[in-house]
């Protein structure tokens, strides 16, 4: 299974659009996220979710949950292909396995559950945290990839001098999102994977995401997201992140996503790696073997 070198696309919405090469096989291009030539894991999960969503020919099913594992790094400058295998497609649920390939190698895999939403039998949800809104929160970094990010309280998880509790509250929205429920879900999945490693670093002096791939080796190993309600990724969504545990070269993070109105729309968790580079080894020139 070969891939072709393509131009890197400018924004996240463009990266979610695909070419259907043949039934159950899709080609995507990548967007640069400052990961030193390696595609961000959240983007890989988003690709696999969009491909899995395309297997529903009825247009009625939405993604209920997705669990992705990232075995090999993926390079930004080459496109990727996603193959899907529908394990079961019933009236209420579908189970889909999606595999992401580059240069003939399997790099990531996801299990995606789709469903047809039904009427409530019972209902409850966590309330949104009482924090500043996006208008009161300063921008976090420069707007890029068509995405805007604002950090409550101005917390900068890039900065190695930032020290505080292992929690962050981040507002995020994406510009130009089409009215496609699965693409909106995929874009939220991408965002939900973006801040948990930095959240785990926050309590530790001298640590910050600026060190990632430069002074220390970090990477997402697995990411899971469950959706509870419909959402609009083009409007502000609050990501309430926390890291309950870090140690032995690994971190665990989790979070919840809320609309501006305070509705809980998704919950997510992440297993990640954070460790020293082997003694005597430099990350320079090793972008393709970063894990």
Protein backbone atom coordinates (compact mmCIF):
# COMPACT_ATOMS: atom_id res chain seq x y z
CA UNK A 1 0.00 0.00 0.00
CA UNK A 2 1.86 3.05 -1.22
CA UNK A 3 1.43 6.74 -0.47
CA UNK A 4 2.37 9.85 -2.38
CA UNK A 5 4.08 12.99 -1.16
CA UNK A 6 1.59 15.86 -1.08
CA UNK A 7 1.55 19.49 -0.11
CA UNK A 8 0.86 20.07 3.57
CA UNK A 9 -2.62 21.58 3.94
CA UNK A 10 -3.15 24.89 5.68
CA UNK A 11 -5.87 24.11 8.20
CA UNK A 12 -7.60 21.39 10.19
CA UNK A 13 -10.82 21.44 8.20
CA UNK A 14 -8.89 20.76 4.99
CA UNK A 15 -7.03 17.93 6.71
CA UNK A 16 -10.34 16.22 7.53
CA UNK A 17 -11.39 16.05 3.87
CA UNK A 18 -10.54 12.78 2.15
CA UNK A 19 -10.28 11.06 -1.21
CA UNK A 20 -12.06 7.70 -1.34
CA UNK A 21 -9.54 5.60 -3.25
CA UNK A 22 -11.78 2.55 -3.26
CA UNK A 23 -14.51 1.19 -0.98
CA UNK A 24 -13.35 1.32 2.66
CA UNK A 25 -10.03 2.97 1.76
CA UNK A 26 -9.42 6.71 2.14
CA UNK A 27 -6.53 9.12 1.59
CA UNK A 28 -5.90 12.18 3.81
CA UNK A 29 -3.29 14.94 3.81
CA UNK A 30 -1.75 16.45 6.95
CA UNK A 31 -1.46 19.80 8.66
CA UNK A 32 1.70 21.00 10.43
CA UNK A 33 1.33 21.48 14.19
CA UNK A 34 4.90 22.32 15.21
CA UNK A 35 5.71 18.71 16.07
CA UNK A 36 9.05 18.80 14.21
CA UNK A 37 7.79 16.99 11.13
CA UNK A 38 5.67 14.40 12.97
CA UNK A 39 1.87 14.38 12.76
CA UNK A 40 0.07 15.07 16.04
CA UNK A 41 -1.74 12.02 17.45
CA UNK A 42 -5.03 13.89 17.76
CA UNK A 43 -5.02 14.42 14.00
CA UNK A 44 -4.48 10.71 13.38
CA UNK A 45 -7.44 9.84 15.58
CA UNK A 46 -9.55 12.46 13.79
CA UNK A 47 -8.66 10.96 10.39
CA UNK A 48 -9.68 7.48 11.54
CA UNK A 49 -12.93 8.79 13.01
CA UNK A 50 -13.91 10.56 9.78
CA UNK A 51 -13.15 7.41 7.78
CA UNK A 52 -15.18 5.27 10.19
CA UNK A 53 -18.07 7.74 9.99
CA UNK A 54 -18.07 7.44 6.19
CA UNK A 55 -19.08 3.79 6.48
CA UNK A 56 -22.58 4.82 7.59
CA UNK A 57 -24.53 5.16 4.34
CA UNK A 58 -27.77 6.08 6.13
CA UNK A 59 -26.52 9.44 7.42
CA UNK A 60 -28.30 8.77 10.73
CA UNK A 61 -25.47 7.49 12.90
CA UNK A 62 -23.08 9.60 14.94
CA UNK A 63 -19.84 8.63 16.63
CA UNK A 64 -20.46 7.54 20.22
CA UNK A 65 -16.86 6.78 21.12
CA UNK A 66 -13.42 6.26 19.63
CA UNK A 67 -10.27 4.71 21.07
CA UNK A 68 -7.01 5.18 19.17
CA UNK A 69 -3.57 3.65 19.71
CA UNK A 70 -0.49 5.18 18.07
CA UNK A 71 2.24 2.66 17.39
CA UNK A 72 4.49 4.46 14.89
CA UNK A 73 5.18 8.12 14.12
CA UNK A 74 3.64 9.57 10.97
CA UNK A 75 5.47 12.21 8.92
CA UNK A 76 3.72 15.42 7.93
CA UNK A 77 5.06 15.65 4.38
CA UNK A 78 3.52 12.38 3.14
CA UNK A 79 -0.17 11.64 2.92
CA UNK A 80 -1.80 8.82 4.86
CA UNK A 81 -4.34 6.17 4.03
CA UNK A 82 -7.03 4.80 6.31
CA UNK A 83 -8.67 1.43 5.76
CA UNK A 84 -11.84 0.51 7.61
CA UNK A 85 -13.39 -2.81 8.56
CA UNK A 86 -17.03 -2.81 9.65
CA UNK A 87 -17.29 -5.44 12.35
CA UNK A 88 -21.04 -4.97 12.76
CA UNK A 89 -23.65 -2.60 11.37
CA UNK A 90 -27.01 -2.82 13.10
CA UNK A 91 -30.02 -0.55 13.32
CA UNK A 92 -28.81 1.19 16.50
CA UNK A 93 -25.03 0.59 16.58
CA UNK A 94 -22.08 0.01 14.28
CA UNK A 95 -18.60 -1.11 15.28
CA UNK A 96 -15.75 -0.12 12.97
CA UNK A 97 -12.01 -0.84 13.07
CA UNK A 98 -9.91 1.81 11.32
CA UNK A 99 -6.20 1.44 10.49
CA UNK A 100 -3.97 4.32 9.41
CA UNK A 101 -1.07 3.58 7.04
CA UNK A 102 1.92 5.50 5.73
CA UNK A 103 4.56 4.22 3.32
CA UNK A 104 3.03 0.75 3.43
CA UNK A 105 3.25 0.46 7.22
CA UNK A 106 0.47 0.33 9.77
CA UNK A 107 0.97 3.28 12.14
CA UNK A 108 -2.24 3.69 14.17
CA UNK A 109 -5.46 1.87 14.82
CA UNK A 110 -8.81 2.91 16.28
CA UNK A 111 -11.99 1.22 17.37
CA UNK A 112 -14.97 3.46 16.64
CA UNK A 113 -18.52 2.94 17.90
CA UNK A 114 -21.33 4.63 15.97
CA UNK A 115 -24.93 4.88 17.10
CA UNK A 116 -28.33 6.34 16.35
CA UNK A 117 -29.22 8.68 19.26
CA UNK A 118 -32.43 7.78 21.07
CA UNK A 119 -34.88 9.46 23.44
CA UNK A 120 -33.90 9.78 27.12
CA UNK A 121 -34.82 7.11 29.63
CA UNK A 122 -32.63 8.74 32.28
CA UNK A 123 -30.43 11.84 32.14
CA UNK A 124 -27.75 13.54 34.22
CA UNK A 125 -24.45 15.31 33.50
CA UNK A 126 -21.62 17.06 35.30
CA UNK A 127 -22.03 20.84 35.49
CA UNK A 128 -19.50 23.04 33.71
CA UNK A 129 -16.73 24.46 35.92
CA UNK A 130 -17.14 28.07 37.03
CA UNK A 131 -14.30 29.70 35.09
CA UNK A 132 -13.79 32.76 32.90
CA UNK A 133 -15.28 32.68 29.43
CA UNK A 134 -13.29 32.96 26.20
CA UNK A 135 -13.67 36.74 26.06
CA UNK A 136 -11.95 37.08 29.46
CA UNK A 137 -9.22 34.52 28.67
CA UNK A 138 -6.05 35.53 26.79
CA UNK A 139 -5.05 33.82 23.55
CA UNK A 140 -2.72 30.85 23.90
CA UNK A 141 -0.17 31.02 21.12
CA UNK A 142 -0.83 32.38 17.67
CA UNK A 143 -4.01 31.38 15.81
CA UNK A 144 -3.00 28.60 13.43
CA UNK A 145 -4.56 25.84 11.34
CA UNK A 146 -7.83 27.77 11.48
CA UNK A 147 -8.03 27.10 15.22
CA UNK A 148 -8.28 29.64 18.05
CA UNK A 149 -7.18 28.75 21.58
CA UNK A 150 -7.63 30.73 24.80
CA UNK A 151 -6.27 29.71 28.18
CA UNK A 152 -8.27 30.52 31.32
CA UNK A 153 -6.11 32.54 33.68
CA UNK A 154 -3.40 32.89 31.03
CA UNK A 155 -1.81 29.55 32.00
CA UNK A 156 0.94 28.74 29.49
CA UNK A 157 1.79 25.02 29.53
CA UNK A 158 4.53 25.65 26.97
CA UNK A 159 6.51 27.72 29.48
CA UNK A 160 8.94 25.76 31.67
CA UNK A 161 8.56 28.36 34.45
CA UNK A 162 4.81 27.75 34.75
CA UNK A 163 4.04 25.83 37.96
CA UNK A 164 0.59 25.05 39.31
CA UNK A 165 -1.91 22.25 39.88
CA UNK A 166 -2.22 19.51 37.28
CA UNK A 167 -5.28 21.08 35.67
CA UNK A 168 -5.97 23.48 32.81
CA UNK A 169 -9.07 25.09 31.33
CA UNK A 170 -8.82 25.79 27.63
CA UNK A 171 -11.33 27.39 25.25
CA UNK A 172 -11.03 26.29 21.63
CA UNK A 173 -12.92 26.81 18.37
CA UNK A 174 -12.23 26.02 14.71
CA UNK A 175 -13.06 28.37 11.85
CA UNK A 176 -14.88 27.28 8.71
CA UNK A 177 -16.36 24.03 10.04
CA UNK A 178 -19.01 22.57 7.70
CA UNK A 179 -22.36 21.28 8.95
CA UNK A 180 -21.10 17.72 9.18
CA UNK A 181 -21.69 16.09 12.60
CA UNK A 182 -18.86 13.57 12.28
CA UNK A 183 -16.34 16.22 11.20
CA UNK A 184 -17.34 18.36 14.19
CA UNK A 185 -16.76 15.36 16.44
CA UNK A 186 -13.39 14.65 14.82
CA UNK A 187 -12.25 18.24 15.30
CA UNK A 188 -13.20 18.11 18.99
CA UNK A 189 -11.29 14.83 19.34
CA UNK A 190 -8.24 16.58 17.88
CA UNK A 191 -8.57 19.44 20.36
CA UNK A 192 -9.14 17.13 23.33
CA UNK A 193 -5.80 15.43 22.72
CA UNK A 194 -3.83 18.68 22.56
CA UNK A 195 -3.27 19.79 26.15
CA UNK A 196 -3.08 16.79 28.48
CA UNK A 197 0.69 16.23 28.33
CA UNK A 198 1.32 19.88 29.18
CA UNK A 199 -1.26 19.66 31.96
CA UNK A 200 0.70 16.77 33.48
CA UNK A 201 3.91 18.83 33.32
CA UNK A 202 2.43 21.88 35.05
CA UNK A 203 3.13 20.88 38.71
CA UNK A 204 6.81 20.22 37.96
CA UNK A 205 9.32 23.06 37.98
CA UNK A 206 11.46 23.30 34.89
CA UNK A 207 9.00 21.28 32.79
CA UNK A 208 6.84 22.51 29.90
CA UNK A 209 5.80 21.55 26.40
CA UNK A 210 8.57 23.74 24.97
CA UNK A 211 10.91 20.89 25.95
CA UNK A 212 8.97 18.26 24.00
CA UNK A 213 11.05 16.60 21.26
CA UNK A 214 13.95 18.91 22.17
CA UNK A 215 15.02 18.20 25.77
CA UNK A 216 12.67 15.34 26.57
CA UNK A 217 10.78 12.71 24.61
CA UNK A 218 6.97 12.93 24.71
CA UNK A 219 4.16 11.41 22.71
CA UNK A 220 0.56 10.24 22.89
CA UNK A 221 0.26 6.45 23.19
CA UNK A 222 -3.52 6.18 23.30
CA UNK A 223 -6.50 8.54 23.34
CA UNK A 224 -10.17 7.80 24.01
CA UNK A 225 -13.17 10.09 23.61
CA UNK A 226 -16.89 9.54 24.25
CA UNK A 227 -19.54 11.90 22.93
CA UNK A 228 -22.70 12.71 24.87
CA UNK A 229 -24.39 15.43 22.80
CA UNK A 230 -24.24 17.07 19.39
CA UNK A 231 -21.68 19.88 19.18
CA UNK A 232 -20.52 22.75 17.01
CA UNK A 233 -16.72 22.87 16.82
CA UNK A 234 -17.05 26.31 15.22
CA UNK A 235 -18.29 27.75 18.52
CA UNK A 236 -16.23 27.99 21.69
CA UNK A 237 -15.86 24.72 23.60
CA UNK A 238 -14.30 24.56 27.07
CA UNK A 239 -11.83 21.73 27.70
CA UNK A 240 -11.49 21.04 31.43
CA UNK A 241 -8.28 19.00 31.72
CA UNK A 242 -6.61 17.23 34.63
CA UNK A 243 -3.80 14.75 35.15
CA UNK A 244 -4.43 12.50 38.18
CA UNK A 245 -1.16 10.60 37.78
CA UNK A 246 2.31 10.79 36.24
CA UNK A 247 5.30 8.51 36.79
CA UNK A 248 7.46 5.71 35.39
CA UNK A 249 7.84 7.58 32.12
CA UNK A 250 4.08 7.80 31.56
CA UNK A 251 1.25 10.24 32.19
CA UNK A 252 -2.48 9.80 32.44
CA UNK A 253 -4.84 12.66 31.68
CA UNK A 254 -8.57 13.08 31.40
CA UNK A 255 -11.05 15.83 30.69
CA UNK A 256 -14.53 16.99 29.84
CA UNK A 257 -15.75 19.27 27.05
CA UNK A 258 -18.53 21.82 27.61
CA UNK A 259 -20.39 24.25 25.38
CA UNK A 260 -20.60 27.94 26.20
CA UNK A 261 -24.08 27.21 27.59
CA UNK A 262 -22.54 24.73 30.07
CA UNK A 263 -23.67 21.49 28.39
CA UNK A 264 -21.35 18.49 28.72
CA UNK A 265 -20.74 17.24 25.17
CA UNK A 266 -17.81 14.83 25.55
CA UNK A 267 -15.44 13.11 27.98
CA UNK A 268 -11.93 11.92 27.14
CA UNK A 269 -8.77 10.32 28.53
CA UNK A 270 -5.20 9.86 27.37
CA UNK A 271 -2.18 7.66 28.00
CA UNK A 272 1.07 9.40 27.08
CA UNK A 273 4.82 9.05 27.30
CA UNK A 274 7.16 11.57 28.92
CA UNK A 275 10.76 10.47 29.44
CA UNK A 276 14.38 11.41 28.93
CA UNK A 277 16.14 10.71 25.69
CA UNK A 278 18.53 7.79 26.07
CA UNK A 279 21.91 8.93 27.41
CA UNK A 280 24.20 10.11 24.66
CA UNK A 281 21.41 10.36 22.09
CA UNK A 282 20.14 13.58 20.54
CA UNK A 283 16.68 14.07 19.03
CA UNK A 284 18.21 15.87 16.06
CA UNK A 285 17.54 13.94 12.88
CA UNK A 286 15.41 11.38 14.71
CA UNK A 287 12.00 12.91 14.07
CA UNK A 288 10.72 9.79 12.32
CA UNK A 289 11.63 7.58 15.32
CA UNK A 290 10.44 9.94 18.02
CA UNK A 291 8.60 7.21 19.96
